[in-house]
Structure formats: structure tokens, C-alpha cells
Amino acid sequence: MPAGVSWGQYTKFLGSALLAMMAGSQAVHLYYKPLDDLPVYIEREQHHHQQEQQQQQHHQQAAS
């Protein structure tokens, strides 16, 4: 096993690390709510992308 650790110790550490990461992620999502504005963000980015595409098309047509 890595670093001379037994399988039991390795499994306990792996399990506790996984639970700690999951608990931390859940706490962040409950406190900061990072996904609440996701639909608004996606719509804004899509609109921005469409505007850029239209500008590129206008520049290409003007250059022709």
C-alpha cells in the first residue's frame, strides 16, 4: 500500500476525506447558493455570443 499504510488505514482516510469534501461542497452551496443565477448567466452569455457573431458577419460582409 502507498507510504507503508495498511489497507484499513488507507480506506478510513479515503472515506473520511471523501465525506469532508462532500460536506464542504454542500455547505458552500447552502451558504453562497452559486447556482441560483445560473439561468440568468447562461442567457446573458448566449446573448453576448450572438452579438459577437453578428458583428463578425457584418465585418466579413463589409470586407468583401
N, C-alpha and C. Protein backbone atom coordinates (compact mmCIF):
# COMPACT_ATOMS: atom_id res chain seq x y z
N MET A 1 0.84 -1.19 0.00
CA MET A 1 0.00 0.00 0.00
C MET A 1 0.89 1.25 0.00
N PRO A 2 0.38 2.37 -0.49
CA PRO A 2 1.19 3.59 -0.57
C PRO A 2 1.70 4.05 0.80
N ALA A 3 2.95 4.44 0.83
CA ALA A 3 3.60 5.02 2.02
C ALA A 3 3.58 4.08 3.22
N GLY A 4 3.50 2.80 3.00
CA GLY A 4 3.57 1.84 4.09
C GLY A 4 2.35 1.86 5.01
N VAL A 5 1.21 2.25 4.50
CA VAL A 5 -0.02 2.32 5.30
C VAL A 5 -0.85 1.09 4.99
N SER A 6 -1.51 0.57 6.01
CA SER A 6 -2.32 -0.63 5.79
C SER A 6 -3.58 -0.27 5.00
N TRP A 7 -4.20 -1.32 4.43
CA TRP A 7 -5.42 -1.11 3.66
C TRP A 7 -6.53 -0.50 4.51
N GLY A 8 -6.62 -0.91 5.75
CA GLY A 8 -7.65 -0.38 6.65
C GLY A 8 -7.48 1.11 6.88
N GLN A 9 -6.26 1.53 7.20
CA GLN A 9 -5.99 2.96 7.42
C GLN A 9 -6.22 3.76 6.14
N TYR A 10 -5.78 3.20 5.03
CA TYR A 10 -5.94 3.88 3.75
C TYR A 10 -7.42 4.06 3.42
N THR A 11 -8.23 3.04 3.63
CA THR A 11 -9.66 3.10 3.35
C THR A 11 -10.36 4.10 4.27
N LYS A 12 -9.99 4.10 5.57
CA LYS A 12 -10.58 5.06 6.50
C LYS A 12 -10.25 6.49 6.09
N PHE A 13 -9.01 6.74 5.73
CA PHE A 13 -8.62 8.08 5.32
C PHE A 13 -9.35 8.49 4.05
N LEU A 14 -9.42 7.58 3.09
CA LEU A 14 -10.10 7.86 1.84
C LEU A 14 -11.58 8.18 2.08
N GLY A 15 -12.22 7.40 2.92
CA GLY A 15 -13.63 7.64 3.23
C GLY A 15 -13.85 8.95 3.96
N SER A 16 -13.00 9.24 4.94
CA SER A 16 -13.18 10.50 5.68
C SER A 16 -12.87 11.71 4.80
N ALA A 17 -11.88 11.59 3.92
CA ALA A 17 -11.58 12.70 3.01
C ALA A 17 -12.75 12.93 2.06
N LEU A 18 -13.34 11.87 1.55
CA LEU A 18 -14.49 11.99 0.65
C LEU A 18 -15.67 12.64 1.36
N LEU A 19 -15.96 12.20 2.58
CA LEU A 19 -17.07 12.79 3.33
C LEU A 19 -16.82 14.26 3.64
N ALA A 20 -15.57 14.61 3.97
CA ALA A 20 -15.25 16.01 4.26
C ALA A 20 -15.43 16.87 3.02
N MET A 21 -15.01 16.37 1.86
CA MET A 21 -15.18 17.13 0.62
C MET A 21 -16.65 17.31 0.29
N MET A 22 -17.43 16.27 0.47
CA MET A 22 -18.86 16.36 0.17
C MET A 22 -19.56 17.32 1.13
N ALA A 23 -19.21 17.27 2.42
CA ALA A 23 -19.81 18.17 3.40
C ALA A 23 -19.43 19.62 3.10
N GLY A 24 -18.18 19.86 2.73
CA GLY A 24 -17.73 21.20 2.40
C GLY A 24 -18.45 21.74 1.17
N SER A 25 -18.60 20.92 0.18
CA SER A 25 -19.30 21.33 -1.04
C SER A 25 -20.76 21.66 -0.73
N GLN A 26 -21.39 20.85 0.07
CA GLN A 26 -22.78 21.10 0.44
C GLN A 26 -22.90 22.39 1.23
N ALA A 27 -21.98 22.63 2.15
CA ALA A 27 -22.01 23.86 2.94
C ALA A 27 -21.87 25.09 2.05
N VAL A 28 -20.96 25.03 1.09
CA VAL A 28 -20.77 26.16 0.17
C VAL A 28 -22.05 26.41 -0.63
N HIS A 29 -22.67 25.35 -1.12
CA HIS A 29 -23.88 25.53 -1.93
C HIS A 29 -25.06 26.01 -1.10
N LEU A 30 -25.12 25.63 0.16
CA LEU A 30 -26.21 26.11 1.00
C LEU A 30 -26.00 27.56 1.42
N TYR A 31 -24.76 27.95 1.66
CA TYR A 31 -24.46 29.29 2.16
C TYR A 31 -24.40 30.32 1.03
N TYR A 32 -23.62 30.04 0.00
CA TYR A 32 -23.40 31.02 -1.08
C TYR A 32 -24.39 30.90 -2.24
N LYS A 33 -25.03 29.76 -2.38
CA LYS A 33 -26.01 29.50 -3.44
C LYS A 33 -25.47 29.89 -4.83
N PRO A 34 -24.37 29.28 -5.27
CA PRO A 34 -23.74 29.69 -6.52
C PRO A 34 -24.55 29.37 -7.77
N LEU A 35 -25.50 28.48 -7.71
CA LEU A 35 -26.23 28.09 -8.91
C LEU A 35 -27.58 28.78 -9.04
N ASP A 36 -27.92 29.67 -8.12
CA ASP A 36 -29.23 30.32 -8.19
C ASP A 36 -29.38 31.20 -9.42
N ASP A 37 -28.31 31.84 -9.85
CA ASP A 37 -28.40 32.73 -11.01
C ASP A 37 -27.87 32.09 -12.29
N LEU A 38 -27.76 30.80 -12.32
CA LEU A 38 -27.21 30.12 -13.49
C LEU A 38 -28.04 30.37 -14.76
N PRO A 39 -29.38 30.27 -14.75
CA PRO A 39 -30.13 30.53 -15.98
C PRO A 39 -29.92 31.96 -16.50
N VAL A 40 -29.84 32.93 -15.60
CA VAL A 40 -29.61 34.32 -16.00
C VAL A 40 -28.24 34.45 -16.63
N TYR A 41 -27.25 33.83 -16.02
CA TYR A 41 -25.88 33.88 -16.54
C TYR A 41 -25.80 33.25 -17.93
N ILE A 42 -26.43 32.11 -18.11
CA ILE A 42 -26.40 31.42 -19.40
C ILE A 42 -27.06 32.28 -20.48
N GLU A 43 -28.21 32.87 -20.15
CA GLU A 43 -28.90 33.71 -21.13
C GLU A 43 -28.06 34.93 -21.51
N ARG A 44 -27.42 35.55 -20.54
CA ARG A 44 -26.58 36.72 -20.80
C ARG A 44 -25.41 36.35 -21.70
N GLU A 45 -24.77 35.21 -21.43
CA GLU A 45 -23.64 34.78 -22.25
C GLU A 45 -24.07 34.40 -23.67
N GLN A 46 -25.23 33.77 -23.80
CA GLN A 46 -25.74 33.43 -25.13
C GLN A 46 -26.03 34.70 -25.93
N HIS A 47 -26.62 35.69 -25.29
CA HIS A 47 -26.91 36.96 -25.96
C HIS A 47 -25.60 37.63 -26.39
N HIS A 48 -24.61 37.62 -25.51
CA HIS A 48 -23.31 38.21 -25.83
C HIS A 48 -22.65 37.48 -27.00
N HIS A 49 -22.76 36.16 -27.00
CA HIS A 49 -22.17 35.36 -28.08
C HIS A 49 -22.87 35.65 -29.42
N GLN A 50 -24.19 35.79 -29.40
CA GLN A 50 -24.93 36.10 -30.61
C GLN A 50 -24.54 37.47 -31.16
N GLN A 51 -24.35 38.44 -30.28
CA GLN A 51 -23.93 39.77 -30.72
C GLN A 51 -22.55 39.72 -31.36
N GLU A 52 -21.64 38.95 -30.78
CA GLU A 52 -20.31 38.82 -31.36
C GLU A 52 -20.36 38.18 -32.75
N GLN A 53 -21.20 37.17 -32.91
CA GLN A 53 -21.33 36.51 -34.21
C GLN A 53 -21.89 37.48 -35.24
N GLN A 54 -22.87 38.29 -34.87
CA GLN A 54 -23.45 39.26 -35.80
C GLN A 54 -22.41 40.31 -36.20
N GLN A 55 -21.60 40.74 -35.25
CA GLN A 55 -20.56 41.73 -35.55
C GLN A 55 -19.53 41.14 -36.51
N GLN A 56 -19.17 39.88 -36.29
CA GLN A 56 -18.20 39.22 -37.19
C GLN A 56 -18.77 39.10 -38.60
N GLN A 57 -20.06 38.78 -38.70
CA GLN A 57 -20.69 38.66 -40.01
C GLN A 57 -20.72 40.01 -40.72
N HIS A 58 -21.01 41.07 -39.99
CA HIS A 58 -21.03 42.40 -40.58
C HIS A 58 -19.64 42.81 -41.05
N HIS A 59 -18.61 42.48 -40.27
CA HIS A 59 -17.24 42.81 -40.65
C HIS A 59 -16.81 42.02 -41.89
N GLN A 60 -17.24 40.76 -41.96
CA GLN A 60 -16.89 39.94 -43.12
C GLN A 60 -17.59 40.46 -44.38
N GLN A 61 -18.85 40.87 -44.23
CA GLN A 61 -19.59 41.39 -45.38
C GLN A 61 -19.01 42.72 -45.84
N ALA A 62 -18.58 43.54 -44.91
CA ALA A 62 -18.00 44.84 -45.26
C ALA A 62 -16.65 44.68 -45.93
N ALA A 63 -15.92 43.65 -45.56
CA ALA A 63 -14.59 43.41 -46.14
C ALA A 63 -14.69 42.82 -47.55
N SER A 64 -15.83 42.23 -47.87
CA SER A 64 -15.99 41.59 -49.19
C SER A 64 -16.19 42.58 -50.28
